[in-house]
């Protein structure tokens, strides 16, 4: 899988890593591990219909993904956060699925490297 199959702001990641490709891979791997754990918590919060927890977890993912330049992940998490804040549960499912798919694409990219 190529890096073009998911959205990363490479310029931002290069700046964060000091142009160190190995460090970038490590940052993305750590981000992925944390995000997959957060996705488990997010699914639990969804199953419990706990909108405050959904909002908080989505906020965490949004910030972490923005830090490493994972733009699509950050956008999906932001949509979830806003919907949870506004009590619009019907607006959570699509970005939740997009978030899951983006994380899977990142996982495949890191495994293929």
N, C-alpha and C. Protein backbone atom coordinates (compact mmCIF):
# COMPACT_ATOMS: atom_id res chain seq x y z
N UNK A 1 0.85 -1.18 0.00
CA UNK A 1 0.00 0.00 0.00
C UNK A 1 0.89 1.24 0.00
N UNK A 2 0.51 2.21 -0.78
CA UNK A 2 1.29 3.45 -0.83
C UNK A 2 0.72 4.47 0.14
N UNK A 3 1.56 5.45 0.45
CA UNK A 3 1.12 6.51 1.37
C UNK A 3 0.00 7.34 0.76
N UNK A 4 -0.19 7.25 -0.54
CA UNK A 4 -1.24 8.02 -1.19
C UNK A 4 -2.63 7.45 -0.92
N UNK A 5 -2.72 6.27 -0.35
CA UNK A 5 -4.01 5.64 -0.12
C UNK A 5 -4.65 6.06 1.20
N UNK A 6 -4.00 6.94 1.93
CA UNK A 6 -4.59 7.60 3.08
C UNK A 6 -3.97 8.97 3.16
N UNK A 7 -4.67 9.88 3.80
CA UNK A 7 -4.22 11.26 3.79
C UNK A 7 -3.31 11.57 4.97
N UNK A 8 -2.08 11.91 4.64
CA UNK A 8 -1.11 12.37 5.63
C UNK A 8 -0.56 13.69 5.12
N UNK A 9 -0.48 14.66 5.97
CA UNK A 9 0.19 15.91 5.64
C UNK A 9 1.67 15.66 5.89
N UNK A 10 2.34 15.20 4.83
CA UNK A 10 3.74 14.79 4.96
C UNK A 10 4.63 15.96 5.36
N UNK A 11 4.29 17.15 4.89
CA UNK A 11 5.09 18.32 5.25
C UNK A 11 5.07 18.53 6.78
N UNK A 12 3.91 18.41 7.36
CA UNK A 12 3.79 18.54 8.81
C UNK A 12 4.54 17.43 9.53
N UNK A 13 4.42 16.21 9.05
CA UNK A 13 5.10 15.08 9.67
C UNK A 13 6.62 15.22 9.54
N UNK A 14 7.08 15.68 8.37
CA UNK A 14 8.52 15.90 8.17
C UNK A 14 9.04 16.95 9.15
N UNK A 15 8.25 18.01 9.34
CA UNK A 15 8.65 19.08 10.27
C UNK A 15 8.72 18.54 11.70
N UNK A 16 7.73 17.75 12.07
CA UNK A 16 7.68 17.17 13.41
C UNK A 16 8.86 16.23 13.65
N UNK A 17 9.24 15.48 12.62
CA UNK A 17 10.28 14.46 12.77
C UNK A 17 11.68 14.96 12.46
N UNK A 18 11.78 16.19 11.99
CA UNK A 18 13.09 16.67 11.57
C UNK A 18 13.59 15.95 10.33
N UNK A 19 12.66 15.54 9.45
CA UNK A 19 12.98 14.84 8.20
C UNK A 19 13.56 13.43 8.42
N UNK A 20 13.31 12.85 9.57
CA UNK A 20 13.84 11.53 9.91
C UNK A 20 12.78 10.47 9.58
N UNK A 21 12.97 9.76 8.47
CA UNK A 21 11.97 8.80 7.99
C UNK A 21 11.70 7.68 8.99
N UNK A 22 12.74 7.20 9.66
CA UNK A 22 12.55 6.13 10.65
C UNK A 22 11.72 6.65 11.82
N UNK A 23 11.98 7.87 12.23
CA UNK A 23 11.21 8.47 13.33
C UNK A 23 9.76 8.68 12.92
N UNK A 24 9.55 9.06 11.65
CA UNK A 24 8.18 9.22 11.16
C UNK A 24 7.41 7.91 11.24
N UNK A 25 8.05 6.83 10.85
CA UNK A 25 7.40 5.52 10.93
C UNK A 25 7.07 5.18 12.38
N UNK A 26 8.00 5.48 13.27
CA UNK A 26 7.77 5.22 14.69
C UNK A 26 6.62 6.07 15.23
N UNK A 27 6.59 7.34 14.85
CA UNK A 27 5.49 8.22 15.27
C UNK A 27 4.15 7.70 14.77
N UNK A 28 4.10 7.31 13.50
CA UNK A 28 2.86 6.79 12.94
C UNK A 28 2.44 5.49 13.61
N UNK A 29 3.41 4.64 13.93
CA UNK A 29 3.10 3.38 14.60
C UNK A 29 2.54 3.63 16.00
N UNK A 30 3.17 4.53 16.74
CA UNK A 30 2.68 4.86 18.08
C UNK A 30 1.30 5.49 18.01
N UNK A 31 1.10 6.38 17.03
CA UNK A 31 -0.20 7.00 16.83
C UNK A 31 -1.25 5.93 16.53
N UNK A 32 -0.91 5.00 15.64
CA UNK A 32 -1.85 3.94 15.27
C UNK A 32 -2.21 3.09 16.47
N UNK A 33 -1.23 2.67 17.25
CA UNK A 33 -1.49 1.84 18.43
C UNK A 33 -2.43 2.55 19.39
N UNK A 34 -2.15 3.82 19.66
CA UNK A 34 -3.00 4.59 20.56
C UNK A 34 -4.41 4.74 19.99
N UNK A 35 -4.48 5.03 18.70
CA UNK A 35 -5.78 5.26 18.08
C UNK A 35 -6.63 3.99 18.04
N UNK A 36 -5.99 2.85 17.82
CA UNK A 36 -6.75 1.59 17.83
C UNK A 36 -7.29 1.31 19.23
N UNK A 37 -6.50 1.62 20.24
CA UNK A 37 -6.99 1.48 21.62
C UNK A 37 -8.15 2.44 21.88
N UNK A 38 -8.00 3.67 21.41
CA UNK A 38 -9.07 4.66 21.58
C UNK A 38 -10.33 4.23 20.83
N UNK A 39 -10.16 3.59 19.67
CA UNK A 39 -11.31 3.10 18.92
C UNK A 39 -12.08 2.06 19.72
N UNK A 40 -11.38 1.21 20.46
CA UNK A 40 -12.06 0.25 21.33
C UNK A 40 -12.90 0.97 22.38
N UNK A 41 -12.31 2.00 22.99
CA UNK A 41 -13.05 2.80 23.97
C UNK A 41 -14.23 3.52 23.32
N UNK A 42 -14.00 4.00 22.10
CA UNK A 42 -15.06 4.70 21.38
C UNK A 42 -16.22 3.75 21.09
N UNK A 43 -15.91 2.52 20.69
CA UNK A 43 -16.96 1.54 20.43
C UNK A 43 -17.74 1.21 21.70
N UNK A 44 -17.03 1.08 22.82
CA UNK A 44 -17.70 0.84 24.10
C UNK A 44 -18.63 2.00 24.46
N UNK A 45 -18.13 3.22 24.28
CA UNK A 45 -18.96 4.40 24.58
C UNK A 45 -20.18 4.44 23.66
N UNK A 46 -19.98 4.07 22.39
CA UNK A 46 -21.10 4.04 21.44
C UNK A 46 -22.12 3.00 21.88
N UNK A 47 -21.65 1.81 22.25
CA UNK A 47 -22.56 0.74 22.69
C UNK A 47 -23.35 1.16 23.92
N UNK A 48 -22.74 1.99 24.77
CA UNK A 48 -23.39 2.46 26.00
C UNK A 48 -24.17 3.77 25.79
N UNK A 49 -24.14 4.28 24.56
CA UNK A 49 -24.78 5.55 24.22
C UNK A 49 -24.31 6.68 25.13
N UNK A 50 -23.00 6.68 25.41
CA UNK A 50 -22.40 7.65 26.32
C UNK A 50 -21.77 8.79 25.50
N UNK A 51 -22.59 9.78 25.18
CA UNK A 51 -22.14 10.87 24.33
C UNK A 51 -20.99 11.69 24.92
N UNK A 52 -20.96 11.95 26.23
CA UNK A 52 -19.80 12.67 26.77
C UNK A 52 -18.49 11.91 26.55
N UNK A 53 -18.50 10.61 26.74
CA UNK A 53 -17.28 9.82 26.50
C UNK A 53 -16.94 9.77 25.01
N UNK A 54 -17.93 9.64 24.16
CA UNK A 54 -17.69 9.66 22.72
C UNK A 54 -17.01 10.96 22.34
N UNK A 55 -17.54 12.08 22.84
CA UNK A 55 -16.96 13.39 22.54
C UNK A 55 -15.51 13.47 23.01
N UNK A 56 -15.27 13.02 24.23
CA UNK A 56 -13.92 13.10 24.81
C UNK A 56 -12.92 12.23 24.03
N UNK A 57 -13.31 11.02 23.70
CA UNK A 57 -12.42 10.11 22.97
C UNK A 57 -12.16 10.65 21.56
N UNK A 58 -13.21 11.12 20.90
CA UNK A 58 -13.05 11.69 19.56
C UNK A 58 -12.12 12.91 19.61
N UNK A 59 -12.24 13.70 20.64
CA UNK A 59 -11.36 14.86 20.81
C UNK A 59 -9.90 14.42 20.92
N UNK A 60 -9.66 13.37 21.69
CA UNK A 60 -8.30 12.83 21.85
C UNK A 60 -7.75 12.37 20.50
N UNK A 61 -8.53 11.61 19.75
CA UNK A 61 -8.09 11.11 18.45
C UNK A 61 -7.86 12.28 17.50
N UNK A 62 -8.75 13.26 17.53
CA UNK A 62 -8.62 14.43 16.65
C UNK A 62 -7.29 15.14 16.90
N UNK A 63 -6.95 15.36 18.15
CA UNK A 63 -5.71 16.05 18.48
C UNK A 63 -4.48 15.25 18.11
N UNK A 64 -4.49 13.98 18.44
CA UNK A 64 -3.34 13.12 18.15
C UNK A 64 -3.12 13.01 16.64
N UNK A 65 -4.19 12.87 15.90
CA UNK A 65 -4.06 12.73 14.45
C UNK A 65 -3.62 14.04 13.81
N UNK A 66 -4.09 15.15 14.31
CA UNK A 66 -3.65 16.44 13.79
C UNK A 66 -2.16 16.63 14.02
N UNK A 67 -1.66 16.16 15.16
CA UNK A 67 -0.24 16.31 15.48
C UNK A 67 0.66 15.58 14.49
N UNK A 68 0.23 14.41 14.01
CA UNK A 68 1.07 13.65 13.07
C UNK A 68 0.67 13.89 11.61
N UNK A 69 -0.27 14.78 11.38
CA UNK A 69 -0.66 15.10 10.01
C UNK A 69 -1.64 14.13 9.39
N UNK A 70 -2.32 13.32 10.19
CA UNK A 70 -3.31 12.37 9.67
C UNK A 70 -4.64 13.12 9.47
N UNK A 71 -4.72 13.83 8.35
CA UNK A 71 -5.80 14.79 8.14
C UNK A 71 -7.19 14.15 8.07
N UNK A 72 -7.34 13.05 7.34
CA UNK A 72 -8.66 12.43 7.21
C UNK A 72 -9.13 11.88 8.56
N UNK A 73 -8.22 11.30 9.31
CA UNK A 73 -8.57 10.77 10.63
C UNK A 73 -9.01 11.91 11.54
N UNK A 74 -8.27 13.02 11.49
CA UNK A 74 -8.60 14.18 12.31
C UNK A 74 -9.98 14.73 11.94
N UNK A 75 -10.27 14.81 10.64
CA UNK A 75 -11.56 15.31 10.20
C UNK A 75 -12.71 14.41 10.64
N UNK A 76 -12.54 13.12 10.52
CA UNK A 76 -13.59 12.19 10.95
C UNK A 76 -13.82 12.29 12.46
N UNK A 77 -12.73 12.36 13.21
CA UNK A 77 -12.85 12.48 14.67
C UNK A 77 -13.53 13.79 15.05
N UNK A 78 -13.23 14.86 14.33
CA UNK A 78 -13.87 16.16 14.60
C UNK A 78 -15.37 16.07 14.35
N UNK A 79 -15.78 15.39 13.29
CA UNK A 79 -17.21 15.23 13.00
C UNK A 79 -17.90 14.44 14.12
N UNK A 80 -17.24 13.41 14.62
CA UNK A 80 -17.79 12.62 15.72
C UNK A 80 -17.91 13.49 16.97
N UNK A 81 -16.86 14.23 17.27
CA UNK A 81 -16.86 15.09 18.45
C UNK A 81 -18.01 16.10 18.40
N UNK A 82 -18.19 16.75 17.27
CA UNK A 82 -19.26 17.75 17.13
C UNK A 82 -20.64 17.10 17.27
N UNK A 83 -20.83 15.97 16.60
CA UNK A 83 -22.13 15.29 16.68
C UNK A 83 -22.44 14.85 18.11
N UNK A 84 -21.42 14.33 18.81
CA UNK A 84 -21.64 13.91 20.21
C UNK A 84 -21.94 15.12 21.09
N UNK A 85 -21.22 16.19 20.87
CA UNK A 85 -21.45 17.42 21.65
C UNK A 85 -22.88 17.93 21.47
N UNK A 86 -23.35 17.85 20.21
CA UNK A 86 -24.68 18.36 19.88
C UNK A 86 -25.80 17.35 20.10
N UNK A 87 -25.44 16.13 20.55
CA UNK A 87 -26.44 15.10 20.80
C UNK A 87 -27.04 14.50 19.54
N UNK A 88 -26.32 14.58 18.44
CA UNK A 88 -26.82 14.09 17.15
C UNK A 88 -26.24 12.71 16.86
N UNK A 89 -26.74 11.71 17.55
CA UNK A 89 -26.19 10.36 17.41
C UNK A 89 -26.28 9.85 15.98
N UNK A 90 -27.28 10.29 15.24
CA UNK A 90 -27.44 9.82 13.86
C UNK A 90 -26.30 10.33 12.96
N UNK A 91 -25.59 11.35 13.40
CA UNK A 91 -24.48 11.90 12.62
C UNK A 91 -23.13 11.30 13.00
N UNK A 92 -23.13 10.28 13.83
CA UNK A 92 -21.88 9.69 14.29
C UNK A 92 -21.48 8.47 13.46
N UNK A 93 -22.44 7.71 12.98
CA UNK A 93 -22.13 6.44 12.33
C UNK A 93 -21.22 6.56 11.11
N UNK A 94 -21.50 7.47 10.21
CA UNK A 94 -20.70 7.59 8.99
C UNK A 94 -19.26 8.00 9.30
N UNK A 95 -19.03 9.07 10.09
CA UNK A 95 -17.63 9.39 10.39
C UNK A 95 -16.94 8.33 11.24
N UNK A 96 -17.70 7.59 12.04
CA UNK A 96 -17.11 6.49 12.81
C UNK A 96 -16.59 5.41 11.87
N UNK A 97 -17.35 5.09 10.85
CA UNK A 97 -16.92 4.10 9.86
C UNK A 97 -15.73 4.63 9.06
N UNK A 98 -15.77 5.91 8.68
CA UNK A 98 -14.65 6.52 7.96
C UNK A 98 -13.38 6.49 8.80
N UNK A 99 -13.52 6.77 10.09
CA UNK A 99 -12.39 6.74 11.01
C UNK A 99 -11.78 5.35 11.06
N UNK A 100 -12.62 4.35 11.19
CA UNK A 100 -12.16 2.97 11.24
C UNK A 100 -11.44 2.58 9.94
N UNK A 101 -12.01 2.96 8.81
CA UNK A 101 -11.40 2.64 7.51
C UNK A 101 -10.04 3.33 7.34
N UNK A 102 -9.96 4.59 7.76
CA UNK A 102 -8.70 5.33 7.64
C UNK A 102 -7.62 4.70 8.51
N UNK A 103 -7.98 4.28 9.71
CA UNK A 103 -7.01 3.62 10.59
C UNK A 103 -6.56 2.29 9.99
N UNK A 104 -7.49 1.58 9.38
CA UNK A 104 -7.12 0.31 8.72
C UNK A 104 -6.17 0.54 7.55
N UNK A 105 -6.40 1.60 6.78
CA UNK A 105 -5.49 1.92 5.67
C UNK A 105 -4.10 2.28 6.21
N UNK A 106 -4.05 3.03 7.29
CA UNK A 106 -2.76 3.37 7.89
C UNK A 106 -2.07 2.11 8.39
N UNK A 107 -2.82 1.22 9.00
CA UNK A 107 -2.24 -0.04 9.48
C UNK A 107 -1.66 -0.85 8.33
N UNK A 108 -2.39 -0.95 7.24
CA UNK A 108 -1.89 -1.69 6.07
C UNK A 108 -0.63 -1.04 5.51
N UNK A 109 -0.61 0.28 5.46
CA UNK A 109 0.57 0.99 4.98
C UNK A 109 1.78 0.67 5.85
N UNK A 110 1.61 0.73 7.16
CA UNK A 110 2.73 0.48 8.07
C UNK A 110 3.18 -0.98 8.01
N UNK A 111 2.26 -1.89 7.80
CA UNK A 111 2.63 -3.31 7.68
C UNK A 111 3.37 -3.59 6.38
N UNK A 112 3.07 -2.81 5.35
CA UNK A 112 3.71 -3.07 4.05
C UNK A 112 5.09 -2.44 3.95
N UNK A 113 5.43 -1.63 4.89
CA UNK A 113 6.72 -0.94 4.86
C UNK A 113 7.85 -1.77 5.42
